PDB file of all heavy atoms in Angstrom:
ATOM      1  N   TYR A   1       0.843  -1.196   0.000  1.00  0.00           N
ATOM      2  CA  TYR A   1       0.000   0.000   0.000  1.00  0.00           C
ATOM      3  C   TYR A   1       0.876   1.243   0.000  1.00  0.00           C
ATOM      4  O   TYR A   1       1.672   1.450   0.909  1.00  0.00           O
ATOM      5  CB  TYR A   1      -0.924  -0.010   1.223  1.00  0.00           C
ATOM      6  CG  TYR A   1      -2.006   1.027   1.148  1.00  0.00           C
ATOM      7  CD1 TYR A   1      -3.112   0.838   0.338  1.00  0.00           C
ATOM      8  CD2 TYR A   1      -1.916   2.206   1.880  1.00  0.00           C
ATOM      9  CE1 TYR A   1      -4.119   1.784   0.266  1.00  0.00           C
ATOM     10  CE2 TYR A   1      -2.916   3.162   1.807  1.00  0.00           C
ATOM     11  CZ  TYR A   1      -4.011   2.947   0.995  1.00  0.00           C
ATOM     12  OH  TYR A   1      -5.000   3.896   0.912  1.00  0.00           O
ATOM     13  N   ARG A   2       0.763   2.055  -1.035  1.00  0.00           N
ATOM     14  CA  ARG A   2       1.515   3.290  -1.206  1.00  0.00           C
ATOM     15  C   ARG A   2       3.036   3.022  -1.175  1.00  0.00           C
ATOM     16  O   ARG A   2       3.719   3.373  -0.208  1.00  0.00           O
ATOM     17  CB  ARG A   2       1.139   4.317  -0.149  1.00  0.00           C
ATOM     18  CG  ARG A   2      -0.343   4.681  -0.098  1.00  0.00           C
ATOM     19  CD  ARG A   2      -0.744   5.489  -1.324  1.00  0.00           C
ATOM     20  NE  ARG A   2      -2.062   6.093  -1.154  1.00  0.00           N
ATOM     21  CZ  ARG A   2      -3.208   5.565  -1.578  1.00  0.00           C
ATOM     22  NH1 ARG A   2      -3.185   4.388  -2.186  1.00  0.00           N
ATOM     23  NH2 ARG A   2      -4.357   6.180  -1.411  1.00  0.00           N
ATOM     24  N   PRO A   3       3.584   2.382  -2.218  1.00  0.00           N
ATOM     25  CA  PRO A   3       5.009   2.040  -2.225  1.00  0.00           C
ATOM     26  C   PRO A   3       5.941   3.223  -1.978  1.00  0.00           C
ATOM     27  O   PRO A   3       6.989   3.069  -1.338  1.00  0.00           O
ATOM     28  CB  PRO A   3       5.208   1.467  -3.641  1.00  0.00           C
ATOM     29  CG  PRO A   3       3.856   0.985  -4.050  1.00  0.00           C
ATOM     30  CD  PRO A   3       2.876   1.930  -3.418  1.00  0.00           C
ATOM     31  N   ARG A   4       5.564   4.395  -2.451  1.00  0.00           N
ATOM     32  CA  ARG A   4       6.429   5.566  -2.248  1.00  0.00           C
ATOM     33  C   ARG A   4       6.603   5.882  -0.770  1.00  0.00           C
ATOM     34  O   ARG A   4       7.674   6.315  -0.324  1.00  0.00           O
ATOM     35  CB  ARG A   4       5.832   6.785  -2.979  1.00  0.00           C
ATOM     36  CG  ARG A   4       6.731   8.016  -2.961  1.00  0.00           C
ATOM     37  CD  ARG A   4       6.111   9.179  -3.692  1.00  0.00           C
ATOM     38  NE  ARG A   4       4.893   9.646  -3.037  1.00  0.00           N
ATOM     39  CZ  ARG A   4       4.229  10.747  -3.392  1.00  0.00           C
ATOM     40  NH1 ARG A   4       4.662  11.478  -4.398  1.00  0.00           N
ATOM     41  NH2 ARG A   4       3.134  11.102  -2.758  1.00  0.00           N
ATOM     42  N   LEU A   5       5.533   5.649   0.009  1.00  0.00           N
ATOM     43  CA  LEU A   5       5.605   5.935   1.433  1.00  0.00           C
ATOM     44  C   LEU A   5       6.417   4.880   2.173  1.00  0.00           C
ATOM     45  O   LEU A   5       7.064   5.181   3.179  1.00  0.00           O
ATOM     46  CB  LEU A   5       4.199   6.045   2.015  1.00  0.00           C
ATOM     47  CG  LEU A   5       3.330   7.138   1.377  1.00  0.00           C
ATOM     48  CD1 LEU A   5       1.930   7.112   1.957  1.00  0.00           C
ATOM     49  CD2 LEU A   5       3.964   8.507   1.562  1.00  0.00           C
ATOM     50  N   VAL A   6       6.381   3.656   1.699  1.00  0.00           N
ATOM     51  CA  VAL A   6       7.253   2.610   2.264  1.00  0.00           C
ATOM     52  C   VAL A   6       8.706   3.020   2.106  1.00  0.00           C
ATOM     53  O   VAL A   6       9.516   2.890   3.031  1.00  0.00           O
ATOM     54  CB  VAL A   6       6.983   1.260   1.570  1.00  0.00           C
ATOM     55  CG1 VAL A   6       8.043   0.226   1.978  1.00  0.00           C
ATOM     56  CG2 VAL A   6       5.590   0.746   1.913  1.00  0.00           C
ATOM     57  N   LYS A   7       9.030   3.551   0.939  1.00  0.00           N
ATOM     58  CA  LYS A   7      10.390   4.026   0.696  1.00  0.00           C
ATOM     59  C   LYS A   7      10.730   5.199   1.606  1.00  0.00           C
ATOM     60  O   LYS A   7      11.824   5.272   2.175  1.00  0.00           O
ATOM     61  CB  LYS A   7      10.541   4.426  -0.770  1.00  0.00           C
ATOM     62  CG  LYS A   7      11.957   4.881  -1.145  1.00  0.00           C
ATOM     63  CD  LYS A   7      12.044   5.220  -2.627  1.00  0.00           C
ATOM     64  CE  LYS A   7      13.448   5.686  -2.987  1.00  0.00           C
ATOM     65  NZ  LYS A   7      13.538   6.043  -4.439  1.00  0.00           N
ATOM     66  N   ALA A   8       9.768   6.130   1.773  1.00  0.00           N
ATOM     67  CA  ALA A   8      10.010   7.309   2.610  1.00  0.00           C
ATOM     68  C   ALA A   8      10.274   6.920   4.058  1.00  0.00           C
ATOM     69  O   ALA A   8      11.043   7.590   4.761  1.00  0.00           O
ATOM     70  CB  ALA A   8       8.817   8.261   2.541  1.00  0.00           C
ATOM     71  N   LEU A   9       9.660   5.827   4.512  1.00  0.00           N
ATOM     72  CA  LEU A   9       9.842   5.362   5.881  1.00  0.00           C
ATOM     73  C   LEU A   9      11.014   4.387   6.010  1.00  0.00           C
ATOM     74  O   LEU A   9      11.201   3.782   7.077  1.00  0.00           O
ATOM     75  CB  LEU A   9       8.555   4.698   6.382  1.00  0.00           C
ATOM     76  CG  LEU A   9       7.385   5.659   6.621  1.00  0.00           C
ATOM     77  CD1 LEU A   9       6.071   4.904   6.735  1.00  0.00           C
ATOM     78  CD2 LEU A   9       7.624   6.496   7.873  1.00  0.00           C
ATOM     79  N   SER A  10      11.786   4.244   4.936  1.00  0.00           N
ATOM     80  CA  SER A  10      12.973   3.367   4.924  1.00  0.00           C
ATOM     81  C   SER A  10      12.611   1.934   5.290  1.00  0.00           C
ATOM     82  O   SER A  10      13.333   1.252   6.015  1.00  0.00           O
ATOM     83  CB  SER A  10      14.045   3.910   5.885  1.00  0.00           C
ATOM     84  OG  SER A  10      14.417   5.227   5.530  1.00  0.00           O
ATOM     85  N   GLN A  11      11.482   1.450   4.753  1.00  0.00           N
ATOM     86  CA  GLN A  11      11.002   0.114   5.084  1.00  0.00           C
ATOM     87  C   GLN A  11      11.096  -0.848   3.901  1.00  0.00           C
ATOM     88  O   GLN A  11      10.477  -1.912   3.914  1.00  0.00           O
ATOM     89  CB  GLN A  11       9.557   0.182   5.585  1.00  0.00           C
ATOM     90  CG  GLN A  11       9.412   0.886   6.925  1.00  0.00           C
ATOM     91  CD  GLN A  11       7.983   0.888   7.427  1.00  0.00           C
ATOM     92  OE1 GLN A  11       7.036   0.736   6.657  1.00  0.00           O
ATOM     93  NE2 GLN A  11       7.808   1.064   8.725  1.00  0.00           N
ATOM     94  N   GLY A  12      11.883  -0.490   2.896  1.00  0.00           N
ATOM     95  CA  GLY A  12      11.988  -1.353   1.725  1.00  0.00           C
ATOM     96  C   GLY A  12      12.466  -2.752   2.069  1.00  0.00           C
ATOM     97  O   GLY A  12      11.879  -3.754   1.629  1.00  0.00           O
ATOM     98  N   ALA A  13      13.533  -2.857   2.867  1.00  0.00           N
ATOM     99  CA  ALA A  13      14.070  -4.165   3.246  1.00  0.00           C
ATOM    100  C   ALA A  13      13.065  -4.933   4.103  1.00  0.00           C
ATOM    101  O   ALA A  13      12.898  -6.150   3.948  1.00  0.00           O
ATOM    102  CB  ALA A  13      15.386  -3.991   4.001  1.00  0.00           C
ATOM    103  N   GLN A  14      12.396  -4.219   5.004  1.00  0.00           N
ATOM    104  CA  GLN A  14      11.394  -4.846   5.860  1.00  0.00           C
ATOM    105  C   GLN A  14      10.258  -5.424   5.030  1.00  0.00           C
ATOM    106  O   GLN A  14       9.774  -6.539   5.305  1.00  0.00           O
ATOM    107  CB  GLN A  14      10.852  -3.807   6.842  1.00  0.00           C
ATOM    108  CG  GLN A  14       9.725  -4.292   7.735  1.00  0.00           C
ATOM    109  CD  GLN A  14       9.202  -3.179   8.641  1.00  0.00           C
ATOM    110  OE1 GLN A  14       9.945  -2.294   9.055  1.00  0.00           O
ATOM    111  NE2 GLN A  14       7.904  -3.219   8.924  1.00  0.00           N
ATOM    112  N   TYR A  15       9.835  -4.698   4.005  1.00  0.00           N
ATOM    113  CA  TYR A  15       8.739  -5.176   3.166  1.00  0.00           C
ATOM    114  C   TYR A  15       9.163  -6.352   2.293  1.00  0.00           C
ATOM    115  O   TYR A  15       8.356  -7.247   2.011  1.00  0.00           O
ATOM    116  CB  TYR A  15       8.167  -4.035   2.323  1.00  0.00           C
ATOM    117  CG  TYR A  15       6.936  -3.450   2.960  1.00  0.00           C
ATOM    118  CD1 TYR A  15       7.014  -2.752   4.166  1.00  0.00           C
ATOM    119  CD2 TYR A  15       5.683  -3.640   2.406  1.00  0.00           C
ATOM    120  CE1 TYR A  15       5.889  -2.248   4.783  1.00  0.00           C
ATOM    121  CE2 TYR A  15       4.536  -3.137   3.003  1.00  0.00           C
ATOM    122  CZ  TYR A  15       4.654  -2.445   4.194  1.00  0.00           C
ATOM    123  OH  TYR A  15       3.518  -1.966   4.807  1.00  0.00           O
ATOM    124  N   LEU A  16      10.410  -6.365   1.868  1.00  0.00           N
ATOM    125  CA  LEU A  16      10.900  -7.515   1.107  1.00  0.00           C
ATOM    126  C   LEU A  16      10.877  -8.769   1.986  1.00  0.00           C
ATOM    127  O   LEU A  16      10.447  -9.846   1.558  1.00  0.00           O
ATOM    128  CB  LEU A  16      12.314  -7.242   0.601  1.00  0.00           C
ATOM    129  CG  LEU A  16      12.934  -8.329  -0.279  1.00  0.00           C
ATOM    130  CD1 LEU A  16      12.108  -8.517  -1.550  1.00  0.00           C
ATOM    131  CD2 LEU A  16      14.377  -7.970  -0.636  1.00  0.00           C
ATOM    132  N   GLN A  17      11.323  -8.633   3.228  1.00  0.00           N
ATOM    133  CA  GLN A  17      11.304  -9.762   4.158  1.00  0.00           C
ATOM    134  C   GLN A  17       9.881 -10.208   4.464  1.00  0.00           C
ATOM    135  O   GLN A  17       9.589 -11.410   4.541  1.00  0.00           O
ATOM    136  CB  GLN A  17      12.020  -9.372   5.454  1.00  0.00           C
ATOM    137  CG  GLN A  17      13.513  -9.149   5.295  1.00  0.00           C
ATOM    138  CD  GLN A  17      14.156  -8.597   6.564  1.00  0.00           C
ATOM    139  OE1 GLN A  17      13.473  -8.310   7.545  1.00  0.00           O
ATOM    140  NE2 GLN A  17      15.473  -8.442   6.529  1.00  0.00           N
ATOM    141  N   ALA A  18       8.975  -9.225   4.643  1.00  0.00           N
ATOM    142  CA  ALA A  18       7.579  -9.561   4.927  1.00  0.00           C
ATOM    143  C   ALA A  18       6.941 -10.276   3.741  1.00  0.00           C
ATOM    144  O   ALA A  18       6.185 -11.245   3.926  1.00  0.00           O
ATOM    145  CB  ALA A  18       6.806  -8.293   5.267  1.00  0.00           C
ATOM    146  N   SER A  19       7.237  -9.819   2.541  1.00  0.00           N
ATOM    147  CA  SER A  19       6.698 -10.470   1.342  1.00  0.00           C
ATOM    148  C   SER A  19       7.166 -11.916   1.275  1.00  0.00           C
ATOM    149  O   SER A  19       6.378 -12.833   0.994  1.00  0.00           O
ATOM    150  CB  SER A  19       7.136  -9.714   0.085  1.00  0.00           C
ATOM    151  OG  SER A  19       6.607  -8.406   0.059  1.00  0.00           O
ATOM    152  N   ALA A  20       8.446 -12.129   1.537  1.00  0.00           N
ATOM    153  CA  ALA A  20       8.994 -13.483   1.515  1.00  0.00           C
ATOM    154  C   ALA A  20       8.340 -14.359   2.584  1.00  0.00           C
ATOM    155  O   ALA A  20       8.070 -15.550   2.355  1.00  0.00           O
ATOM    156  CB  ALA A  20      10.506 -13.441   1.716  1.00  0.00           C
ATOM    157  N   ALA A  21       8.046 -13.779   3.747  1.00  0.00           N
ATOM    158  CA  ALA A  21       7.408 -14.536   4.831  1.00  0.00           C
ATOM    159  C   ALA A  21       6.007 -14.984   4.441  1.00  0.00           C
ATOM    160  O   ALA A  21       5.583 -16.108   4.760  1.00  0.00           O
ATOM    161  CB  ALA A  21       7.366 -13.694   6.099  1.00  0.00           C
ATOM    162  N   VAL A  22       5.270 -14.122   3.742  1.00  0.00           N
ATOM    163  CA  VAL A  22       3.931 -14.493   3.293  1.00  0.00           C
ATOM    164  C   VAL A  22       4.014 -15.585   2.231  1.00  0.00           C
ATOM    165  O   VAL A  22       3.277 -16.576   2.271  1.00  0.00           O
ATOM    166  CB  VAL A  22       3.176 -13.258   2.756  1.00  0.00           C
ATOM    167  CG1 VAL A  22       1.852 -13.679   2.101  1.00  0.00           C
ATOM    168  CG2 VAL A  22       2.902 -12.270   3.878  1.00  0.00           C
ATOM    169  N   VAL A  23       4.927 -15.419   1.275  1.00  0.00           N
ATOM    170  CA  VAL A  23       5.075 -16.405   0.202  1.00  0.00           C
ATOM    171  C   VAL A  23       5.462 -17.769   0.763  1.00  0.00           C
ATOM    172  O   VAL A  23       5.031 -18.814   0.260  1.00  0.00           O
ATOM    173  CB  VAL A  23       6.121 -15.921  -0.830  1.00  0.00           C
ATOM    174  CG1 VAL A  23       6.391 -16.998  -1.868  1.00  0.00           C
ATOM    175  CG2 VAL A  23       5.641 -14.646  -1.513  1.00  0.00           C
ATOM    176  N   ALA A  24       6.244 -17.788   1.835  1.00  0.00           N
ATOM    177  CA  ALA A  24       6.680 -19.051   2.434  1.00  0.00           C
ATOM    178  C   ALA A  24       5.521 -19.823   3.057  1.00  0.00           C
ATOM    179  O   ALA A  24       5.594 -21.048   3.211  1.00  0.00           O
ATOM    180  CB  ALA A  24       7.752 -18.782   3.493  1.00  0.00           C
ATOM    181  N   LYS A  25       4.445 -19.119   3.426  1.00  0.00           N
ATOM    182  CA  LYS A  25       3.327 -19.752   4.115  1.00  0.00           C
ATOM    183  C   LYS A  25       2.065 -19.867   3.257  1.00  0.00           C
ATOM    184  O   LYS A  25       1.150 -20.627   3.596  1.00  0.00           O
ATOM    185  CB  LYS A  25       2.981 -18.962   5.381  1.00  0.00           C
ATOM    186  CG  LYS A  25       4.077 -18.943   6.436  1.00  0.00           C
ATOM    187  CD  LYS A  25       4.280 -20.314   7.057  1.00  0.00           C
ATOM    188  CE  LYS A  25       5.289 -20.256   8.192  1.00  0.00           C
ATOM    189  NZ  LYS A  25       5.469 -21.592   8.823  1.00  0.00           N
ATOM    190  N   ALA A  26       1.991 -19.113   2.181  1.00  0.00           N
ATOM    191  CA  ALA A  26       0.763 -19.084   1.384  1.00  0.00           C
ATOM    192  C   ALA A  26       1.101 -19.104  -0.099  1.00  0.00           C
ATOM    193  O   ALA A  26       2.173 -18.645  -0.516  1.00  0.00           O
ATOM    194  CB  ALA A  26      -0.049 -17.829   1.721  1.00  0.00           C
ATOM    195  N   GLY A  27       0.163 -19.609  -0.891  1.00  0.00           N
ATOM    196  CA  GLY A  27       0.360 -19.600  -2.329  1.00  0.00           C
ATOM    197  C   GLY A  27       0.110 -18.223  -2.910  1.00  0.00           C
ATOM    198  O   GLY A  27      -0.760 -17.488  -2.447  1.00  0.00           O
ATOM    199  N   VAL A  28       0.908 -17.859  -3.906  1.00  0.00           N
ATOM    200  CA  VAL A  28       0.713 -16.599  -4.631  1.00  0.00           C
ATOM    201  C   VAL A  28       0.507 -16.962  -6.091  1.00  0.00           C
ATOM    202  O   VAL A  28       1.352 -17.642  -6.696  1.00  0.00           O
ATOM    203  CB  VAL A  28       1.911 -15.651  -4.455  1.00  0.00           C
ATOM    204  CG1 VAL A  28       1.706 -14.378  -5.278  1.00  0.00           C
ATOM    205  CG2 VAL A  28       2.102 -15.306  -2.980  1.00  0.00           C
ATOM    206  N   PHE A  29      -0.597 -16.495  -6.653  1.00  0.00           N
ATOM    207  CA  PHE A  29      -0.994 -16.919  -7.985  1.00  0.00           C
ATOM    208  C   PHE A  29      -1.330 -15.720  -8.867  1.00  0.00           C
ATOM    209  O   PHE A  29      -1.857 -14.717  -8.383  1.00  0.00           O
ATOM    210  CB  PHE A  29      -2.223 -17.834  -7.907  1.00  0.00           C
ATOM    211  CG  PHE A  29      -2.045 -19.012  -6.997  1.00  0.00           C
ATOM    212  CD1 PHE A  29      -2.446 -18.925  -5.667  1.00  0.00           C
ATOM    213  CD2 PHE A  29      -1.458 -20.183  -7.448  1.00  0.00           C
ATOM    214  CE1 PHE A  29      -2.283 -20.003  -4.813  1.00  0.00           C
ATOM    215  CE2 PHE A  29      -1.283 -21.268  -6.597  1.00  0.00           C
ATOM    216  CZ  PHE A  29      -1.693 -21.182  -5.269  1.00  0.00           C
ATOM    217  N   MET A  30      -1.023 -15.855 -10.151  1.00  0.00           N
ATOM    218  CA  MET A  30      -1.456 -14.883 -11.142  1.00  0.00           C
ATOM    219  C   MET A  30      -2.820 -15.330 -11.654  1.00  0.00           C
ATOM    220  O   MET A  30      -2.967 -16.437 -12.173  1.00  0.00           O
ATOM    221  CB  MET A  30      -0.464 -14.817 -12.294  1.00  0.00           C
ATOM    222  CG  MET A  30      -0.755 -13.723 -13.292  1.00  0.00           C
ATOM    223  SD  MET A  30      -0.352 -12.093 -12.643  1.00  0.00           S
ATOM    224  CE  MET A  30       1.443 -12.174 -12.635  1.00  0.00           C
ATOM    225  N   PHE A  31      -3.813 -14.483 -11.462  1.00  0.00           N
ATOM    226  CA  PHE A  31      -5.181 -14.829 -11.860  1.00  0.00           C
ATOM    227  C   PHE A  31      -5.620 -13.917 -12.996  1.00  0.00           C
ATOM    228  O   PHE A  31      -5.902 -12.738 -12.795  1.00  0.00           O
ATOM    229  CB  PHE A  31      -6.109 -14.691 -10.662  1.00  0.00           C
ATOM    230  CG  PHE A  31      -7.540 -15.113 -10.929  1.00  0.00           C
ATOM    231  CD1 PHE A  31      -7.846 -15.999 -11.954  1.00  0.00           C
ATOM    232  CD2 PHE A  31      -8.585 -14.632 -10.148  1.00  0.00           C
ATOM    233  CE1 PHE A  31      -9.147 -16.402 -12.201  1.00  0.00           C
ATOM    234  CE2 PHE A  31      -9.896 -15.018 -10.374  1.00  0.00           C
ATOM    235  CZ  PHE A  31     -10.178 -15.907 -11.408  1.00  0.00           C
ATOM    236  N   GLN A  32      -5.665 -14.472 -14.194  1.00  0.00           N
ATOM    237  CA  GLN A  32      -6.157 -13.738 -15.354  1.00  0.00           C
ATOM    238  C   GLN A  32      -7.600 -14.164 -15.580  1.00  0.00           C
ATOM    239  O   GLN A  32      -7.872 -15.348 -15.807  1.00  0.00           O
ATOM    240  CB  GLN A  32      -5.306 -14.050 -16.585  1.00  0.00           C
ATOM    241  CG  GLN A  32      -3.856 -13.610 -16.422  1.00  0.00           C
ATOM    242  CD  GLN A  32      -3.065 -13.743 -17.705  1.00  0.00           C
ATOM    243  OE1 GLN A  32      -3.186 -12.910 -18.599  1.00  0.00           O
ATOM    244  NE2 GLN A  32      -2.264 -14.781 -17.799  1.00  0.00           N
ATOM    245  N   ARG A  33      -8.507 -13.192 -15.491  1.00  0.00           N
ATOM    246  CA  ARG A  33      -9.914 -13.539 -15.614  1.00  0.00           C
ATOM    247  C   ARG A  33     -10.623 -12.567 -16.530  1.00  0.00           C
ATOM    248  O   ARG A  33     -10.186 -11.446 -16.764  1.00  0.00           O
ATOM    249  CB  ARG A  33     -10.589 -13.624 -14.250  1.00  0.00           C
ATOM    250  CG  ARG A  33     -11.106 -12.328 -13.675  1.00  0.00           C
ATOM    251  CD  ARG A  33     -10.039 -11.563 -12.972  1.00  0.00           C
ATOM    252  NE  ARG A  33     -10.604 -10.359 -12.345  1.00  0.00           N
ATOM    253  CZ  ARG A  33     -10.075  -9.159 -12.517  1.00  0.00           C
ATOM    254  NH1 ARG A  33      -9.018  -9.001 -13.267  1.00  0.00           N
ATOM    255  NH2 ARG A  33     -10.614  -8.110 -11.911  1.00  0.00           N
ATOM    256  N   THR A  34     -11.763 -13.018 -17.032  1.00  0.00           N
ATOM    257  CA  THR A  34     -12.557 -12.240 -17.967  1.00  0.00           C
ATOM    258  C   THR A  34     -13.206 -11.063 -17.247  1.00  0.00           C
ATOM    259  O   THR A  34     -13.841 -11.231 -16.208  1.00  0.00           O
ATOM    260  CB  THR A  34     -13.651 -13.116 -18.588  1.00  0.00           C
ATOM    261  OG1 THR A  34     -13.054 -14.279 -19.165  1.00  0.00           O
ATOM    262  CG2 THR A  34     -14.426 -12.350 -19.648  1.00  0.00           C
ATOM    263  N   ILE A  35     -13.020  -9.860 -17.797  1.00  0.00           N
ATOM    264  CA  ILE A  35     -13.635  -8.661 -17.219  1.00  0.00           C
ATOM    265  C   ILE A  35     -14.995  -8.464 -17.875  1.00  0.00           C
ATOM    266  O   ILE A  35     -15.167  -7.705 -18.824  1.00  0.00           O
ATOM    267  CB  ILE A  35     -12.743  -7.418 -17.429  1.00  0.00           C
ATOM    268  CG1 ILE A  35     -11.329  -7.693 -16.940  1.00  0.00           C
ATOM    269  CG2 ILE A  35     -13.339  -6.211 -16.707  1.00  0.00           C
ATOM    270  CD1 ILE A  35     -11.219  -7.961 -15.460  1.00  0.00           C
ATOM    271  N   ASP A  36     -15.967  -9.201 -17.380  1.00  0.00           N
ATOM    272  CA  ASP A  36     -17.329  -9.146 -17.921  1.00  0.00           C
ATOM    273  C   ASP A  36     -18.248  -9.696 -16.839  1.00  0.00           C
ATOM    274  O   ASP A  36     -18.084 -10.835 -16.393  1.00  0.00           O
ATOM    275  CB  ASP A  36     -17.423  -9.998 -19.190  1.00  0.00           C
ATOM    276  CG  ASP A  36     -18.762  -9.860 -19.890  1.00  0.00           C
ATOM    277  OD1 ASP A  36     -19.750  -9.490 -19.221  1.00  0.00           O
ATOM    278  OD2 ASP A  36     -18.828 -10.127 -21.106  1.00  0.00           O
ATOM    279  N   PHE A  37     -19.210  -8.890 -16.400  1.00  0.00           N
ATOM    280  CA  PHE A  37     -20.100  -9.325 -15.321  1.00  0.00           C
ATOM    281  C   PHE A  37     -20.880 -10.576 -15.712  1.00  0.00           C
ATOM    282  O   PHE A  37     -21.256 -11.373 -14.851  1.00  0.00           O
ATOM    283  CB  PHE A  37     -21.053  -8.197 -14.934  1.00  0.00           C
ATOM    284  CG  PHE A  37     -20.402  -7.122 -14.113  1.00  0.00           C
ATOM    285  CD1 PHE A  37     -19.951  -5.948 -14.705  1.00  0.00           C
ATOM    286  CD2 PHE A  37     -20.223  -7.288 -12.750  1.00  0.00           C
ATOM    287  CE1 PHE A  37     -19.344  -4.957 -13.951  1.00  0.00           C
ATOM    288  CE2 PHE A  37     -19.613  -6.305 -11.988  1.00  0.00           C
ATOM    289  CZ  PHE A  37     -19.170  -5.140 -12.590  1.00  0.00           C
ATOM    290  N   ARG A  38     -21.109 -10.779 -17.011  1.00  0.00           N
ATOM    291  CA  ARG A  38     -21.833 -11.972 -17.441  1.00  0.00           C
ATOM    292  C   ARG A  38     -21.014 -13.235 -17.190  1.00  0.00           C
ATOM    293  O   ARG A  38     -21.579 -14.333 -17.125  1.00  0.00           O
ATOM    294  CB  ARG A  38     -22.183 -11.855 -18.922  1.00  0.00           C
ATOM    295  CG  ARG A  38     -23.200 -10.750 -19.241  1.00  0.00           C
ATOM    296  CD  ARG A  38     -23.342 -10.539 -20.722  1.00  0.00           C
ATOM    297  NE  ARG A  38     -22.098 -10.092 -21.328  1.00  0.00           N
ATOM    298  CZ  ARG A  38     -21.943  -9.814 -22.613  1.00  0.00           C
ATOM    299  NH1 ARG A  38     -22.978  -9.945 -23.432  1.00  0.00           N
ATOM    300  NH2 ARG A  38     -20.780  -9.399 -23.079  1.00  0.00           N
ATOM    301  N   ALA A  39     -19.693 -13.074 -17.051  1.00  0.00           N
ATOM    302  CA  ALA A  39     -18.823 -14.231 -16.821  1.00  0.00           C
ATOM    303  C   ALA A  39     -18.486 -14.425 -15.349  1.00  0.00           C
ATOM    304  O   ALA A  39     -17.708 -15.322 -15.015  1.00  0.00           O
ATOM    305  CB  ALA A  39     -17.528 -14.056 -17.624  1.00  0.00           C
TER     306      ALA A  39
END
């Protein structure tokens, strides 16, 4: 959320570690889906 502010707070390394921690415990998937309410 708001990557520029993460940088301003010098939390880039912290966010990289947090991202890795989430990936280690949960699946991360690319979901390409049809943009149509009928679908």
